């Protein structure tokens, strides 16, 4: 398991990051701290593989922590999750070797992509002590998965395997009930717009049955899960 430390001063944002992380296999939460000082103390005592790091925090900021980590040669990777969107900070972070850079606000789908990409790289380093050029090209430098694992290539553009799996898990839990786009969005922490794309696709391939209800305000789409058709999507999961 990849051990993750969340470094975020806003407790609500930290909780969202924690919930997002819980949805992705292969990662375990090592802890949550709310400032650089506590993060430094945590890293001195505990083994951590990955930091989910904010930039803007009281006292020292996240980039200063990142600089300190690199100077101290601490063996930990960093993904920045921050509202800092100016090119100077982004460029500095990239030069300091961040694994990814997520600008708030972001969707679960983007978070999932960052974590899956990191997990794939970590798996490669564990599997092999010497790498070939094609290993670097396919799984690190170009950020692609191995062909045997690239199950999302036949999904419609804009849909990912990890998000589809997340939505399917919630849908299965709602077997026997009628649910809406909002119901799925609230359970997955994914935006309504993104959820709607996945539900539309699942309807097209027969997993869901869709009905439209007109009431006060905008029309609402409701769905029922057709369990016997689940094999239609099993190739992607």
C-alpha atoms as a PDB file:
ATOM      1  CA  UNK A   1       0.000   0.000   0.000  1.00  0.00           C
ATOM      2  CA  UNK A   2       1.148   3.515  -0.810  1.00  0.00           C
ATOM      3  CA  UNK A   3       1.175   5.579   2.404  1.00  0.00           C
ATOM      4  CA  UNK A   4      -0.209   9.098   1.957  1.00  0.00           C
ATOM      5  CA  UNK A   5       0.071  12.166   4.187  1.00  0.00           C
ATOM      6  CA  UNK A   6      -2.425  14.973   3.549  1.00  0.00           C
ATOM      7  CA  UNK A   7      -0.997  18.448   4.300  1.00  0.00           C
ATOM      8  CA  UNK A   8      -3.922  20.878   4.155  1.00  0.00           C
ATOM      9  CA  UNK A   9      -4.839  23.760   6.479  1.00  0.00           C
ATOM     10  CA  UNK A  10      -8.571  23.711   5.673  1.00  0.00           C
ATOM     11  CA  UNK A  11     -10.193  20.808   7.618  1.00  0.00           C
ATOM     12  CA  UNK A  12     -13.090  20.563   5.157  1.00  0.00           C
ATOM     13  CA  UNK A  13     -10.809  20.298   2.126  1.00  0.00           C
ATOM     14  CA  UNK A  14      -8.644  17.787   3.995  1.00  0.00           C
ATOM     15  CA  UNK A  15     -11.739  15.679   4.655  1.00  0.00           C
ATOM     16  CA  UNK A  16     -12.700  15.752   0.963  1.00  0.00           C
ATOM     17  CA  UNK A  17      -9.183  14.669  -0.012  1.00  0.00           C
ATOM     18  CA  UNK A  18      -9.412  11.878   2.558  1.00  0.00           C
ATOM     19  CA  UNK A  19     -12.743  10.682   1.124  1.00  0.00           C
ATOM     20  CA  UNK A  20     -11.430  10.848  -2.444  1.00  0.00           C
ATOM     21  CA  UNK A  21      -8.347   8.850  -1.448  1.00  0.00           C
ATOM     22  CA  UNK A  22     -10.515   6.182   0.183  1.00  0.00           C
ATOM     23  CA  UNK A  23     -12.226   5.555  -3.161  1.00  0.00           C
ATOM     24  CA  UNK A  24      -8.998   4.514  -4.884  1.00  0.00           C
ATOM     25  CA  UNK A  25      -7.409   1.133  -4.223  1.00  0.00           C
ATOM     26  CA  UNK A  26      -3.747   0.793  -3.392  1.00  0.00           C
ATOM     27  CA  UNK A  27      -3.477   3.799  -1.066  1.00  0.00           C
ATOM     28  CA  UNK A  28      -3.672   4.126   2.707  1.00  0.00           C
ATOM     29  CA  UNK A  29      -3.952   7.325   4.735  1.00  0.00           C
ATOM     30  CA  UNK A  30      -0.918   7.774   6.992  1.00  0.00           C
ATOM     31  CA  UNK A  31      -2.268  10.975   8.529  1.00  0.00           C
ATOM     32  CA  UNK A  32      -3.567  14.525   8.122  1.00  0.00           C
ATOM     33  CA  UNK A  33      -1.677  17.630   9.268  1.00  0.00           C
ATOM     34  CA  UNK A  34      -2.614  21.295   8.869  1.00  0.00           C
ATOM     35  CA  UNK A  35       0.711  23.137   8.647  1.00  0.00           C
ATOM     36  CA  UNK A  36       4.292  22.723   7.510  1.00  0.00           C
ATOM     37  CA  UNK A  37       5.768  22.355  10.996  1.00  0.00           C
ATOM     38  CA  UNK A  38       3.511  19.395  11.808  1.00  0.00           C
ATOM     39  CA  UNK A  39       4.262  17.890   8.397  1.00  0.00           C
ATOM     40  CA  UNK A  40       8.008  18.082   9.046  1.00  0.00           C
ATOM     41  CA  UNK A  41       7.612  16.452  12.454  1.00  0.00           C
ATOM     42  CA  UNK A  42       5.423  13.713  10.960  1.00  0.00           C
ATOM     43  CA  UNK A  43       7.992  12.958   8.244  1.00  0.00           C
ATOM     44  CA  UNK A  44      10.733  12.664  10.855  1.00  0.00           C
ATOM     45  CA  UNK A  45       8.813   9.950  12.699  1.00  0.00           C
ATOM     46  CA  UNK A  46       6.835   8.096  10.029  1.00  0.00           C
ATOM     47  CA  UNK A  47       7.559   6.538   6.643  1.00  0.00           C
ATOM     48  CA  UNK A  48       5.421   8.204   3.974  1.00  0.00           C
ATOM     49  CA  UNK A  49       5.443   7.560   0.227  1.00  0.00           C
ATOM     50  CA  UNK A  50       3.354  10.481  -1.022  1.00  0.00           C
ATOM     51  CA  UNK A  51       2.291  13.929   0.167  1.00  0.00           C
ATOM     52  CA  UNK A  52      -0.927  15.576  -0.981  1.00  0.00           C
ATOM     53  CA  UNK A  53       0.278  19.105  -0.341  1.00  0.00           C
ATOM     54  CA  UNK A  54      -1.395  22.523  -0.336  1.00  0.00           C
ATOM     55  CA  UNK A  55       0.629  25.685  -1.057  1.00  0.00           C
ATOM     56  CA  UNK A  56      -1.221  28.302   0.962  1.00  0.00           C
ATOM     57  CA  UNK A  57      -0.894  27.587   4.692  1.00  0.00           C
ATOM     58  CA  UNK A  58      -0.129  29.653   7.804  1.00  0.00           C
ATOM     59  CA  UNK A  59       3.559  30.111   8.493  1.00  0.00           C
ATOM     60  CA  UNK A  60       5.733  28.323   5.955  1.00  0.00           C
ATOM     61  CA  UNK A  61       3.919  27.510   2.719  1.00  0.00           C
ATOM     62  CA  UNK A  62       3.800  24.226   0.831  1.00  0.00           C
ATOM     63  CA  UNK A  63       6.474  25.202  -1.690  1.00  0.00           C
ATOM     64  CA  UNK A  64       8.863  25.963   1.172  1.00  0.00           C
ATOM     65  CA  UNK A  65       8.138  22.515   2.597  1.00  0.00           C
ATOM     66  CA  UNK A  66       8.758  20.977  -0.818  1.00  0.00           C
ATOM     67  CA  UNK A  67      12.064  22.857  -1.094  1.00  0.00           C
ATOM     68  CA  UNK A  68      13.054  21.643   2.387  1.00  0.00           C
ATOM     69  CA  UNK A  69      12.183  18.043   1.506  1.00  0.00           C
ATOM     70  CA  UNK A  70      14.360  18.149  -1.608  1.00  0.00           C
ATOM     71  CA  UNK A  71      17.286  19.767   0.222  1.00  0.00           C
ATOM     72  CA  UNK A  72      17.026  17.166   2.998  1.00  0.00           C
ATOM     73  CA  UNK A  73      16.829  14.365   0.409  1.00  0.00           C
ATOM     74  CA  UNK A  74      13.739  12.881   2.061  1.00  0.00           C
ATOM     75  CA  UNK A  75      12.480  10.028  -0.108  1.00  0.00           C
ATOM     76  CA  UNK A  76       8.878  11.127  -0.578  1.00  0.00           C
ATOM     77  CA  UNK A  77       6.863  12.106  -3.645  1.00  0.00           C
ATOM     78  CA  UNK A  78       4.552  15.111  -3.742  1.00  0.00           C
ATOM     79  CA  UNK A  79       1.319  15.939  -5.535  1.00  0.00           C
ATOM     80  CA  UNK A  80       0.287  19.566  -5.071  1.00  0.00           C
ATOM     81  CA  UNK A  81      -3.420  20.220  -4.511  1.00  0.00           C
ATOM     82  CA  UNK A  82      -3.825  23.974  -4.328  1.00  0.00           C
ATOM     83  CA  UNK A  83      -5.552  27.142  -5.474  1.00  0.00           C
ATOM     84  CA  UNK A  84      -2.153  28.544  -6.485  1.00  0.00           C
ATOM     85  CA  UNK A  85      -2.532  28.891 -10.250  1.00  0.00           C
ATOM     86  CA  UNK A  86       0.116  31.497 -11.141  1.00  0.00           C
ATOM     87  CA  UNK A  87       2.801  30.288 -13.504  1.00  0.00           C
ATOM     88  CA  UNK A  88       5.672  31.197 -11.183  1.00  0.00           C
ATOM     89  CA  UNK A  89       4.491  28.824  -8.453  1.00  0.00           C
ATOM     90  CA  UNK A  90       3.591  26.081 -10.917  1.00  0.00           C
ATOM     91  CA  UNK A  91       6.982  26.330 -12.610  1.00  0.00           C
ATOM     92  CA  UNK A  92       8.797  26.235  -9.269  1.00  0.00           C
ATOM     93  CA  UNK A  93       6.819  23.172  -8.195  1.00  0.00           C
ATOM     94  CA  UNK A  94       7.599  21.369 -11.449  1.00  0.00           C
ATOM     95  CA  UNK A  95      11.290  22.189 -11.115  1.00  0.00           C
ATOM     96  CA  UNK A  96      11.188  20.721  -7.616  1.00  0.00           C
ATOM     97  CA  UNK A  97       9.862  17.488  -9.064  1.00  0.00           C
ATOM     98  CA  UNK A  98       6.168  17.265  -8.107  1.00  0.00           C
ATOM     99  CA  UNK A  99       4.458  14.164  -9.459  1.00  0.00           C
ATOM    100  CA  UNK A 100       1.342  16.148 -10.390  1.00  0.00           C
ATOM    101  CA  UNK A 101      -0.296  19.540  -9.848  1.00  0.00           C
ATOM    102  CA  UNK A 102      -4.056  19.838  -9.203  1.00  0.00           C
ATOM    103  CA  UNK A 103      -5.610  23.306  -9.162  1.00  0.00           C
ATOM    104  CA  UNK A 104      -8.620  23.795  -6.877  1.00  0.00           C
ATOM    105  CA  UNK A 105     -11.451  23.345  -7.453  1.00  0.00           C
ATOM    106  CA  UNK A 106     -11.067  20.012  -9.215  1.00  0.00           C
ATOM    107  CA  UNK A 107     -13.263  17.009  -9.945  1.00  0.00           C
ATOM    108  CA  UNK A 108     -12.799  13.537  -8.462  1.00  0.00           C
ATOM    109  CA  UNK A 109     -12.036  12.331 -11.980  1.00  0.00           C
ATOM    110  CA  UNK A 110      -8.899  14.496 -12.177  1.00  0.00           C
ATOM    111  CA  UNK A 111      -7.834  13.427  -8.671  1.00  0.00           C
ATOM    112  CA  UNK A 112      -8.308   9.792  -9.622  1.00  0.00           C
ATOM    113  CA  UNK A 113      -6.235  10.202 -12.779  1.00  0.00           C
ATOM    114  CA  UNK A 114      -3.360  11.691 -10.773  1.00  0.00           C
ATOM    115  CA  UNK A 115      -3.427   8.895  -8.204  1.00  0.00           C
ATOM    116  CA  UNK A 116      -3.720   6.079 -10.756  1.00  0.00           C
ATOM    117  CA  UNK A 117      -0.836   7.543 -12.753  1.00  0.00           C
ATOM    118  CA  UNK A 118       1.288   7.716  -9.607  1.00  0.00           C
ATOM    119  CA  UNK A 119       0.346   4.171  -8.608  1.00  0.00           C
ATOM    120  CA  UNK A 120       1.322   2.897 -12.045  1.00  0.00           C
ATOM    121  CA  UNK A 121       4.762   4.514 -11.794  1.00  0.00           C
ATOM    122  CA  UNK A 122       5.286   3.138  -8.299  1.00  0.00           C
ATOM    123  CA  UNK A 123       4.372  -0.366  -9.452  1.00  0.00           C
ATOM    124  CA  UNK A 124       6.917  -0.165 -12.257  1.00  0.00           C
ATOM    125  CA  UNK A 125       9.739   0.781  -9.880  1.00  0.00           C
ATOM    126  CA  UNK A 126       8.808  -2.123  -7.607  1.00  0.00           C
ATOM    127  CA  UNK A 127       8.696  -4.603 -10.473  1.00  0.00           C
ATOM    128  CA  UNK A 128      12.032  -3.813 -12.089  1.00  0.00           C
ATOM    129  CA  UNK A 129      15.490  -2.676 -11.029  1.00  0.00           C
ATOM    130  CA  UNK A 130      16.569  -1.821 -14.581  1.00  0.00           C
ATOM    131  CA  UNK A 131      14.226  -0.126 -17.045  1.00  0.00           C
ATOM    132  CA  UNK A 132      14.094  -0.267 -20.808  1.00  0.00           C
ATOM    133  CA  UNK A 133      13.326   2.777 -22.918  1.00  0.00           C
ATOM    134  CA  UNK A 134       9.854   1.453 -23.728  1.00  0.00           C
ATOM    135  CA  UNK A 135       9.112   1.106 -20.001  1.00  0.00           C
ATOM    136  CA  UNK A 136       9.960   4.750 -19.470  1.00  0.00           C
ATOM    137  CA  UNK A 137       8.050   5.880 -22.561  1.00  0.00           C
ATOM    138  CA  UNK A 138       4.892   3.870 -21.946  1.00  0.00           C
ATOM    139  CA  UNK A 139       4.502   4.129 -18.182  1.00  0.00           C
ATOM    140  CA  UNK A 140       6.415   7.175 -16.960  1.00  0.00           C
ATOM    141  CA  UNK A 141       7.516   9.797 -19.482  1.00  0.00           C
ATOM    142  CA  UNK A 142       4.327   9.645 -21.537  1.00  0.00           C
ATOM    143  CA  UNK A 143       2.120   8.802 -18.572  1.00  0.00           C
ATOM    144  CA  UNK A 144       0.459   5.848 -20.245  1.00  0.00           C
ATOM    145  CA  UNK A 145      -0.528   2.461 -18.864  1.00  0.00           C
ATOM    146  CA  UNK A 146       0.767  -0.791 -20.234  1.00  0.00           C
ATOM    147  CA  UNK A 147      -1.295  -1.934 -23.222  1.00  0.00           C
ATOM    148  CA  UNK A 148      -2.563  -4.980 -21.303  1.00  0.00           C
ATOM    149  CA  UNK A 149      -3.961  -2.693 -18.615  1.00  0.00           C
ATOM    150  CA  UNK A 150      -5.360   0.049 -20.845  1.00  0.00           C
ATOM    151  CA  UNK A 151      -8.955  -0.965 -20.406  1.00  0.00           C
ATOM    152  CA  UNK A 152     -10.319   2.557 -20.942  1.00  0.00           C
ATOM    153  CA  UNK A 153      -9.309   2.774 -24.612  1.00  0.00           C
ATOM    154  CA  UNK A 154     -12.757   1.669 -25.820  1.00  0.00           C
ATOM    155  CA  UNK A 155     -14.675   3.954 -23.467  1.00  0.00           C
ATOM    156  CA  UNK A 156     -16.139   7.107 -25.008  1.00  0.00           C
ATOM    157  CA  UNK A 157     -13.862  10.126 -24.957  1.00  0.00           C
ATOM    158  CA  UNK A 158     -13.874  11.875 -21.577  1.00  0.00           C
ATOM    159  CA  UNK A 159     -14.801   8.786 -19.528  1.00  0.00           C
ATOM    160  CA  UNK A 160     -12.292   6.961 -17.335  1.00  0.00           C
ATOM    161  CA  UNK A 161     -12.215   3.465 -15.885  1.00  0.00           C
ATOM    162  CA  UNK A 162     -11.708   4.590 -12.285  1.00  0.00           C
ATOM    163  CA  UNK A 163     -14.625   7.032 -12.291  1.00  0.00           C
ATOM    164  CA  UNK A 164     -16.865   4.526 -14.072  1.00  0.00           C
ATOM    165  CA  UNK A 165     -16.021   1.944 -11.391  1.00  0.00           C
ATOM    166  CA  UNK A 166     -16.858   4.464  -8.652  1.00  0.00           C
ATOM    167  CA  UNK A 167     -20.236   5.267 -10.190  1.00  0.00           C
ATOM    168  CA  UNK A 168     -21.050   1.600 -10.878  1.00  0.00           C
ATOM    169  CA  UNK A 169     -20.346   0.730  -7.232  1.00  0.00           C
ATOM    170  CA  UNK A 170     -22.897   3.310  -6.081  1.00  0.00           C
ATOM    171  CA  UNK A 171     -25.437   2.212  -8.689  1.00  0.00           C
ATOM    172  CA  UNK A 172     -25.159  -1.419  -7.568  1.00  0.00           C
ATOM    173  CA  UNK A 173     -25.842  -0.326  -3.980  1.00  0.00           C
ATOM    174  CA  UNK A 174     -29.063   1.270  -5.211  1.00  0.00           C
ATOM    175  CA  UNK A 175     -30.410  -1.905  -6.819  1.00  0.00           C
ATOM    176  CA  UNK A 176     -34.187  -2.028  -6.587  1.00  0.00           C
ATOM    177  CA  UNK A 177     -34.574   1.732  -6.183  1.00  0.00           C
ATOM    178  CA  UNK A 178     -35.079   4.691  -8.496  1.00  0.00           C
ATOM    179  CA  UNK A 179     -32.326   7.294  -8.378  1.00  0.00           C
ATOM    180  CA  UNK A 180     -31.371  10.578 -10.022  1.00  0.00           C
ATOM    181  CA  UNK A 181     -28.190  12.232 -11.223  1.00  0.00           C
ATOM    182  CA  UNK A 182     -28.100  14.232  -7.984  1.00  0.00           C
ATOM    183  CA  UNK A 183     -28.245  11.032  -5.911  1.00  0.00           C
ATOM    184  CA  UNK A 184     -25.144   9.651  -7.622  1.00  0.00           C
ATOM    185  CA  UNK A 185     -23.306  12.992  -7.512  1.00  0.00           C
ATOM    186  CA  UNK A 186     -23.863  13.284  -3.748  1.00  0.00           C
ATOM    187  CA  UNK A 187     -22.620   9.739  -3.121  1.00  0.00           C
ATOM    188  CA  UNK A 188     -19.507   9.988  -5.308  1.00  0.00           C
ATOM    189  CA  UNK A 189     -18.516  13.652  -4.799  1.00  0.00           C
ATOM    190  CA  UNK A 190     -18.442  14.010  -8.585  1.00  0.00           C
ATOM    191  CA  UNK A 191     -20.098  16.967 -10.308  1.00  0.00           C
ATOM    192  CA  UNK A 192     -23.600  16.565 -11.768  1.00  0.00           C
ATOM    193  CA  UNK A 193     -22.263  17.362 -15.245  1.00  0.00           C
ATOM    194  CA  UNK A 194     -19.704  14.546 -15.097  1.00  0.00           C
ATOM    195  CA  UNK A 195     -22.142  12.067 -13.522  1.00  0.00           C
ATOM    196  CA  UNK A 196     -24.692  12.846 -16.225  1.00  0.00           C
ATOM    197  CA  UNK A 197     -22.174  11.805 -18.933  1.00  0.00           C
ATOM    198  CA  UNK A 198     -21.602   8.428 -17.266  1.00  0.00           C
ATOM    199  CA  UNK A 199     -25.298   7.769 -16.670  1.00  0.00           C
ATOM    200  CA  UNK A 200     -26.073   8.660 -20.275  1.00  0.00           C
ATOM    201  CA  UNK A 201     -23.437   6.158 -21.445  1.00  0.00           C
ATOM    202  CA  UNK A 202     -24.701   3.430 -19.106  1.00  0.00           C
ATOM    203  CA  UNK A 203     -28.209   4.026 -20.431  1.00  0.00           C
ATOM    204  CA  UNK A 204     -26.993   3.706 -24.013  1.00  0.00           C
ATOM    205  CA  UNK A 205     -25.446   0.279 -23.362  1.00  0.00           C
ATOM    206  CA  UNK A 206     -28.481  -0.981 -21.445  1.00  0.00           C
ATOM    207  CA  UNK A 207     -27.204  -0.963 -17.848  1.00  0.00           C
ATOM    208  CA  UNK A 208     -29.733   1.682 -16.834  1.00  0.00           C
ATOM    209  CA  UNK A 209     -33.287   2.488 -17.790  1.00  0.00           C
ATOM    210  CA  UNK A 210     -33.991   6.212 -17.987  1.00  0.00           C
ATOM    211  CA  UNK A 211     -37.205   8.151 -17.468  1.00  0.00           C
ATOM    212  CA  UNK A 212     -37.829  11.889 -17.555  1.00  0.00           C
ATOM    213  CA  UNK A 213     -40.086  13.601 -15.022  1.00  0.00           C
ATOM    214  CA  UNK A 214     -41.385  17.139 -15.419  1.00  0.00           C
ATOM    215  CA  UNK A 215     -42.132  19.080 -12.260  1.00  0.00           C
ATOM    216  CA  UNK A 216     -41.439  22.522 -10.901  1.00  0.00           C
ATOM    217  CA  UNK A 217     -38.190  23.843 -12.331  1.00  0.00           C
ATOM    218  CA  UNK A 218     -35.924  21.794 -14.577  1.00  0.00           C
ATOM    219  CA  UNK A 219     -36.936  18.288 -15.739  1.00  0.00           C
ATOM    220  CA  UNK A 220     -35.324  15.467 -13.766  1.00  0.00           C
ATOM    221  CA  UNK A 221     -33.953  12.206 -15.162  1.00  0.00           C
ATOM    222  CA  UNK A 222     -34.520   9.120 -13.023  1.00  0.00           C
ATOM    223  CA  UNK A 223     -32.814   5.756 -13.460  1.00  0.00           C
ATOM    224  CA  UNK A 224     -33.272   2.117 -12.538  1.00  0.00           C
ATOM    225  CA  UNK A 225     -30.434  -0.407 -12.524  1.00  0.00           C
ATOM    226  CA  UNK A 226     -30.794  -3.477 -14.774  1.00  0.00           C
ATOM    227  CA  UNK A 227     -28.589  -5.982 -12.949  1.00  0.00           C
ATOM    228  CA  UNK A 228     -28.902  -8.620 -15.661  1.00  0.00           C
ATOM    229  CA  UNK A 229     -27.151  -6.266 -18.091  1.00  0.00           C
ATOM    230  CA  UNK A 230     -24.110  -5.606 -15.876  1.00  0.00           C
ATOM    231  CA  UNK A 231     -21.912  -7.801 -18.079  1.00  0.00           C
ATOM    232  CA  UNK A 232     -22.207  -5.088 -20.731  1.00  0.00           C
ATOM    233  CA  UNK A 233     -19.780  -2.967 -18.738  1.00  0.00           C
ATOM    234  CA  UNK A 234     -17.705  -5.647 -16.978  1.00  0.00           C
ATOM    235  CA  UNK A 235     -14.934  -5.403 -19.589  1.00  0.00           C
ATOM    236  CA  UNK A 236     -14.117  -1.914 -18.308  1.00  0.00           C
ATOM    237  CA  UNK A 237     -14.048  -2.738 -14.587  1.00  0.00           C
END
